Amino acid sequence: MQIKRNAAALMTATALLTGFGAVAGATSAQAAGGSYSATTTNGCGSASGTYHWYATGSASGKTVYRTDWNFNVYDNCADGKAVSLYVKYNKWDGSKWVYHTSSYNKLDSSGSSTNVADVRIFVCLVGDGNSCGEIH
């Protein structure tokens, strides 16, 4: 799995995110989420923090969410390999769902997003898609 490391992917990823299989029936007045963590497959990277999602409507039969997150990312090994957050998600562009699920998209450690669904957040060694552990 290839990890995208360009600025466009980072900006797109920062403007997205939706609930980990978000809670059905949540409304904009109800926040779902809480504290989550993950570790890379070799244990050299980890992340922990909070993630919340808010249902804001629906589009083409899918619930649309507004989200916010704040994670701390840790490099647990002195091996010179950087650790970062990545995401896979779908984004409503106003007329159709745009799928960002075939590769990992770099994600800032904190931020918010709108008009997203099916978000999955990972902690990975930079450049190594096989090292990724999913936030849960």
Foldseek 3Di string as FASTA:
>chain_A
DWEDDDPVLAVVQQAEDADQQDDPPFAQVDKDWFKKKKAWPVRQKMKIWIKIWGFYQDDPHGTWIKMWIAMDMDGNDPPPFDKFKWKWWWADPPHDIDGRHPHTGTYDRTHIHTRIDNMWMWMAGPGDPNGTITID
